[in-house]
PDB file of N, CA and C in Angstrom:
ATOM      1  N   MET A   1     -68.722 -13.822  36.315  1.00  0.00           N
ATOM      2  CA  MET A   1     -68.603 -13.057  35.082  1.00  0.00           C
ATOM      3  C   MET A   1     -69.678 -13.470  34.080  1.00  0.00           C
ATOM      4  N   GLU A   2     -70.025 -14.762  34.034  1.00  0.00           N
ATOM      5  CA  GLU A   2     -71.038 -15.201  33.080  1.00  0.00           C
ATOM      6  C   GLU A   2     -72.387 -14.556  33.365  1.00  0.00           C
ATOM      7  N   LEU A   3     -72.747 -14.478  34.651  1.00  0.00           N
ATOM      8  CA  LEU A   3     -74.010 -13.833  35.015  1.00  0.00           C
ATOM      9  C   LEU A   3     -73.994 -12.373  34.598  1.00  0.00           C
ATOM     10  N   LEU A   4     -72.916 -11.681  34.895  1.00  0.00           N
ATOM     11  CA  LEU A   4     -72.800 -10.273  34.519  1.00  0.00           C
ATOM     12  C   LEU A   4     -72.884 -10.113  33.012  1.00  0.00           C
ATOM     13  N   GLU A   5     -72.185 -10.959  32.290  1.00  0.00           N
ATOM     14  CA  GLU A   5     -72.206 -10.877  30.833  1.00  0.00           C
ATOM     15  C   GLU A   5     -73.621 -11.060  30.299  1.00  0.00           C
ATOM     16  N   GLY A   6     -74.362 -12.024  30.862  1.00  0.00           N
ATOM     17  CA  GLY A   6     -75.739 -12.243  30.437  1.00  0.00           C
ATOM     18  C   GLY A   6     -76.625 -11.055  30.738  1.00  0.00           C
ATOM     19  N   LEU A   7     -76.452 -10.465  31.905  1.00  0.00           N
ATOM     20  CA  LEU A   7     -77.249  -9.291  32.260  1.00  0.00           C
ATOM     21  C   LEU A   7     -76.938  -8.123  31.344  1.00  0.00           C
ATOM     22  N   VAL A   8     -75.671  -7.922  31.052  1.00  0.00           N
ATOM     23  CA  VAL A   8     -75.292  -6.812  30.178  1.00  0.00           C
ATOM     24  C   VAL A   8     -75.863  -7.024  28.786  1.00  0.00           C
ATOM     25  N   ARG A   9     -75.798  -8.230  28.290  1.00  0.00           N
ATOM     26  CA  ARG A   9     -76.334  -8.498  26.953  1.00  0.00           C
ATOM     27  C   ARG A   9     -77.833  -8.257  26.896  1.00  0.00           C
ATOM     28  N   ARG A  10     -78.539  -8.638  27.946  1.00  0.00           N
ATOM     29  CA  ARG A  10     -79.996  -8.520  27.925  1.00  0.00           C
ATOM     30  C   ARG A  10     -80.476  -7.113  28.261  1.00  0.00           C
ATOM     31  N   ALA A  11     -79.890  -6.510  29.284  1.00  0.00           N
ATOM     32  CA  ALA A  11     -80.428  -5.247  29.784  1.00  0.00           C
ATOM     33  C   ALA A  11     -79.513  -4.057  29.556  1.00  0.00           C
ATOM     34  N   GLY A  12     -78.237  -4.301  29.338  1.00  0.00           N
ATOM     35  CA  GLY A  12     -77.301  -3.196  29.311  1.00  0.00           C
ATOM     36  C   GLY A  12     -76.897  -2.717  27.937  1.00  0.00           C
ATOM     37  N   ASN A  13     -77.351  -3.370  26.894  1.00  0.00           N
ATOM     38  CA  ASN A  13     -76.968  -2.943  25.557  1.00  0.00           C
ATOM     39  C   ASN A  13     -77.839  -1.767  25.155  1.00  0.00           C
ATOM     40  N   THR A  14     -77.216  -0.622  24.928  1.00  0.00           N
ATOM     41  CA  THR A  14     -77.967   0.582  24.608  1.00  0.00           C
ATOM     42  C   THR A  14     -78.353   0.651  23.133  1.00  0.00           C
ATOM     43  N   GLY A  15     -77.878  -0.308  22.341  1.00  0.00           N
ATOM     44  CA  GLY A  15     -78.256  -0.350  20.941  1.00  0.00           C
ATOM     45  C   GLY A  15     -77.259   0.297  20.006  1.00  0.00           C
ATOM     46  N   ASP A  16     -76.285   1.008  20.539  1.00  0.00           N
ATOM     47  CA  ASP A  16     -75.298   1.644  19.669  1.00  0.00           C
ATOM     48  C   ASP A  16     -73.884   1.201  20.023  1.00  0.00           C
ATOM     49  N   GLY A  17     -73.767   0.015  20.568  1.00  0.00           N
ATOM     50  CA  GLY A  17     -72.458  -0.530  20.888  1.00  0.00           C
ATOM     51  C   GLY A  17     -71.976  -0.210  22.279  1.00  0.00           C
ATOM     52  N   GLU A  18     -72.750   0.538  23.040  1.00  0.00           N
ATOM     53  CA  GLU A  18     -72.353   0.847  24.405  1.00  0.00           C
ATOM     54  C   GLU A  18     -72.902  -0.211  25.347  1.00  0.00           C
ATOM     55  N   MET A  19     -72.175  -0.472  26.400  1.00  0.00           N
ATOM     56  CA  MET A  19     -72.598  -1.431  27.403  1.00  0.00           C
ATOM     57  C   MET A  19     -72.635  -0.750  28.758  1.00  0.00           C
ATOM     58  N   VAL A  20     -73.501  -1.224  29.605  1.00  0.00           N
ATOM     59  CA  VAL A  20     -73.625  -0.693  30.961  1.00  0.00           C
ATOM     60  C   VAL A  20     -73.193  -1.775  31.937  1.00  0.00           C
ATOM     61  N   VAL A  21     -72.311  -1.418  32.855  1.00  0.00           N
ATOM     62  CA  VAL A  21     -71.879  -2.331  33.908  1.00  0.00           C
ATOM     63  C   VAL A  21     -72.317  -1.740  35.232  1.00  0.00           C
ATOM     64  N   VAL A  22     -73.008  -2.535  36.018  1.00  0.00           N
ATOM     65  CA  VAL A  22     -73.525  -2.055  37.299  1.00  0.00           C
ATOM     66  C   VAL A  22     -72.784  -2.755  38.423  1.00  0.00           C
ATOM     67  N   GLY A  23     -72.288  -1.967  39.357  1.00  0.00           N
ATOM     68  CA  GLY A  23     -71.685  -2.512  40.565  1.00  0.00           C
ATOM     69  C   GLY A  23     -72.432  -1.946  41.750  1.00  0.00           C
ATOM     70  N   ASP A  24     -72.013  -2.309  42.944  1.00  0.00           N
ATOM     71  CA  ASP A  24     -72.664  -1.713  44.103  1.00  0.00           C
ATOM     72  C   ASP A  24     -71.690  -0.801  44.841  1.00  0.00           C
ATOM     73  N   ASP A  25     -72.205  -0.085  45.836  1.00  0.00           N
ATOM     74  CA  ASP A  25     -71.396   0.950  46.466  1.00  0.00           C
ATOM     75  C   ASP A  25     -70.316   0.410  47.396  1.00  0.00           C
ATOM     76  N   ARG A  26     -70.189  -0.903  47.515  1.00  0.00           N
ATOM     77  CA  ARG A  26     -69.080  -1.480  48.276  1.00  0.00           C
ATOM     78  C   ARG A  26     -67.837  -1.627  47.412  1.00  0.00           C
ATOM     79  N   MET A  27     -67.982  -1.483  46.106  1.00  0.00           N
ATOM     80  CA  MET A  27     -66.844  -1.638  45.195  1.00  0.00           C
ATOM     81  C   MET A  27     -66.085  -0.324  45.087  1.00  0.00           C
ATOM     82  N   SER A  28     -64.760  -0.423  45.057  1.00  0.00           N
ATOM     83  CA  SER A  28     -63.953   0.772  44.833  1.00  0.00           C
ATOM     84  C   SER A  28     -64.070   1.174  43.364  1.00  0.00           C
ATOM     85  N   ALA A  29     -63.704   2.406  43.076  1.00  0.00           N
ATOM     86  CA  ALA A  29     -63.723   2.870  41.685  1.00  0.00           C
ATOM     87  C   ALA A  29     -62.799   2.010  40.829  1.00  0.00           C
ATOM     88  N   GLU A  30     -61.656   1.635  41.381  1.00  0.00           N
ATOM     89  CA  GLU A  30     -60.707   0.808  40.634  1.00  0.00           C
ATOM     90  C   GLU A  30     -61.305  -0.560  40.314  1.00  0.00           C
ATOM     91  N   ALA A  31     -62.011  -1.140  41.285  1.00  0.00           N
ATOM     92  CA  ALA A  31     -62.629  -2.450  41.057  1.00  0.00           C
ATOM     93  C   ALA A  31     -63.721  -2.361  40.004  1.00  0.00           C
ATOM     94  N   LEU A  32     -64.508  -1.297  40.031  1.00  0.00           N
ATOM     95  CA  LEU A  32     -65.578  -1.129  39.052  1.00  0.00           C
ATOM     96  C   LEU A  32     -65.002  -0.928  37.652  1.00  0.00           C
ATOM     97  N   LEU A  33     -63.930  -0.147  37.538  1.00  0.00           N
ATOM     98  CA  LEU A  33     -63.287   0.048  36.236  1.00  0.00           C
ATOM     99  C   LEU A  33     -62.688  -1.250  35.717  1.00  0.00           C
ATOM    100  N   SER A  34     -62.085  -2.021  36.606  1.00  0.00           N
ATOM    101  CA  SER A  34     -61.517  -3.304  36.211  1.00  0.00           C
ATOM    102  C   SER A  34     -62.609  -4.247  35.709  1.00  0.00           C
ATOM    103  N   LEU A  35     -63.736  -4.269  36.402  1.00  0.00           N
ATOM    104  CA  LEU A  35     -64.873  -5.089  35.993  1.00  0.00           C
ATOM    105  C   LEU A  35     -65.395  -4.646  34.632  1.00  0.00           C
ATOM    106  N   ALA A  36     -65.478  -3.348  34.425  1.00  0.00           N
ATOM    107  CA  ALA A  36     -65.945  -2.821  33.136  1.00  0.00           C
ATOM    108  C   ALA A  36     -65.002  -3.218  32.013  1.00  0.00           C
ATOM    109  N   ASP A  37     -63.693  -3.106  32.260  1.00  0.00           N
ATOM    110  CA  ASP A  37     -62.717  -3.485  31.235  1.00  0.00           C
ATOM    111  C   ASP A  37     -62.822  -4.963  30.896  1.00  0.00           C
ATOM    112  N   ALA A  38     -62.942  -5.797  31.922  1.00  0.00           N
ATOM    113  CA  ALA A  38     -63.041  -7.235  31.697  1.00  0.00           C
ATOM    114  C   ALA A  38     -64.315  -7.580  30.940  1.00  0.00           C
ATOM    115  N   THR A  39     -65.398  -6.898  31.261  1.00  0.00           N
ATOM    116  CA  THR A  39     -66.670  -7.156  30.586  1.00  0.00           C
ATOM    117  C   THR A  39     -66.602  -6.738  29.126  1.00  0.00           C
ATOM    118  N   ALA A  40     -66.055  -5.562  28.863  1.00  0.00           N
ATOM    119  CA  ALA A  40     -65.953  -5.076  27.483  1.00  0.00           C
ATOM    120  C   ALA A  40     -65.090  -6.001  26.641  1.00  0.00           C
ATOM    121  N   ALA A  41     -64.044  -6.541  27.250  1.00  0.00           N
ATOM    122  CA  ALA A  41     -63.153  -7.430  26.513  1.00  0.00           C
ATOM    123  C   ALA A  41     -63.844  -8.741  26.139  1.00  0.00           C
ATOM    124  N   ARG A  42     -64.851  -9.144  26.906  1.00  0.00           N
ATOM    125  CA  ARG A  42     -65.523 -10.425  26.681  1.00  0.00           C
ATOM    126  C   ARG A  42     -66.749 -10.317  25.791  1.00  0.00           C
ATOM    127  N   ILE A  43     -67.259  -9.134  25.590  1.00  0.00           N
ATOM    128  CA  ILE A  43     -68.493  -8.982  24.819  1.00  0.00           C
ATOM    129  C   ILE A  43     -68.162  -8.346  23.474  1.00  0.00           C
ATOM    130  N   ARG A  44     -68.375  -9.093  22.423  1.00  0.00           N
ATOM    131  CA  ARG A  44     -68.049  -8.621  21.078  1.00  0.00           C
ATOM    132  C   ARG A  44     -68.867  -7.383  20.736  1.00  0.00           C
ATOM    133  N   GLY A  45     -68.222  -6.400  20.171  1.00  0.00           N
ATOM    134  CA  GLY A  45     -68.910  -5.209  19.715  1.00  0.00           C
ATOM    135  C   GLY A  45     -69.001  -4.102  20.742  1.00  0.00           C
ATOM    136  N   ALA A  46     -68.591  -4.356  21.967  1.00  0.00           N
ATOM    137  CA  ALA A  46     -68.649  -3.285  22.969  1.00  0.00           C
ATOM    138  C   ALA A  46     -67.540  -2.292  22.666  1.00  0.00           C
ATOM    139  N   ARG A  47     -67.901  -1.045  22.520  1.00  0.00           N
ATOM    140  CA  ARG A  47     -66.892  -0.034  22.232  1.00  0.00           C
ATOM    141  C   ARG A  47     -66.800   1.008  23.329  1.00  0.00           C
ATOM    142  N   ALA A  48     -67.775   1.039  24.200  1.00  0.00           N
ATOM    143  CA  ALA A  48     -67.760   2.020  25.279  1.00  0.00           C
ATOM    144  C   ALA A  48     -68.485   1.430  26.476  1.00  0.00           C
ATOM    145  N   ILE A  49     -68.152   1.929  27.634  1.00  0.00           N
ATOM    146  CA  ILE A  49     -68.744   1.432  28.870  1.00  0.00           C
ATOM    147  C   ILE A  49     -69.302   2.606  29.656  1.00  0.00           C
ATOM    148  N   ALA A  50     -70.494   2.456  30.153  1.00  0.00           N
ATOM    149  CA  ALA A  50     -71.059   3.403  31.115  1.00  0.00           C
ATOM    150  C   ALA A  50     -71.091   2.691  32.459  1.00  0.00           C
ATOM    151  N   LEU A  51     -70.667   3.364  33.499  1.00  0.00           N
ATOM    152  CA  LEU A  51     -70.601   2.757  34.822  1.00  0.00           C
ATOM    153  C   LEU A  51     -71.619   3.393  35.742  1.00  0.00           C
ATOM    154  N   CYS A  52     -72.215   2.605  36.590  1.00  0.00           N
ATOM    155  CA  CYS A  52     -73.058   3.153  37.634  1.00  0.00           C
ATOM    156  C   CYS A  52     -72.952   2.262  38.859  1.00  0.00           C
ATOM    157  N   ALA A  53     -73.114   2.851  40.005  1.00  0.00           N
ATOM    158  CA  ALA A  53     -73.073   2.095  41.255  1.00  0.00           C
ATOM    159  C   ALA A  53     -74.445   2.162  41.903  1.00  0.00           C
ATOM    160  N   THR A  54     -74.896   1.043  42.387  1.00  0.00           N
ATOM    161  CA  THR A  54     -76.186   0.978  43.065  1.00  0.00           C
ATOM    162  C   THR A  54     -75.949   0.757  44.555  1.00  0.00           C
ATOM    163  N   PRO A  55     -76.900   1.102  45.391  1.00  0.00           N
ATOM    164  CA  PRO A  55     -76.731   0.825  46.825  1.00  0.00           C
ATOM    165  C   PRO A  55     -76.578  -0.673  47.060  1.00  0.00           C
ATOM    166  N   SER A  56     -75.692  -1.030  47.964  1.00  0.00           N
ATOM    167  CA  SER A  56     -75.509  -2.450  48.275  1.00  0.00           C
ATOM    168  C   SER A  56     -76.725  -2.969  49.024  1.00  0.00           C
ATOM    169  N   MET A  57     -76.952  -4.256  48.914  1.00  0.00           N
ATOM    170  CA  MET A  57     -78.121  -4.861  49.550  1.00  0.00           C
ATOM    171  C   MET A  57     -77.713  -5.506  50.858  1.00  0.00           C
TER     172      MET A  57
END
């Protein structure tokens, strides 16, 4: 979670309070939503989440 939080802070902040959470295509939709919720709860000021899935490596 710390790595994800750092990545979101550096690359995922859109500048208007939105955060981007990236998962890969091995994650279920439920798992990705759960990850997004957990991330938003840990990052102050996040009011919305955009989700995207990338191809797994």
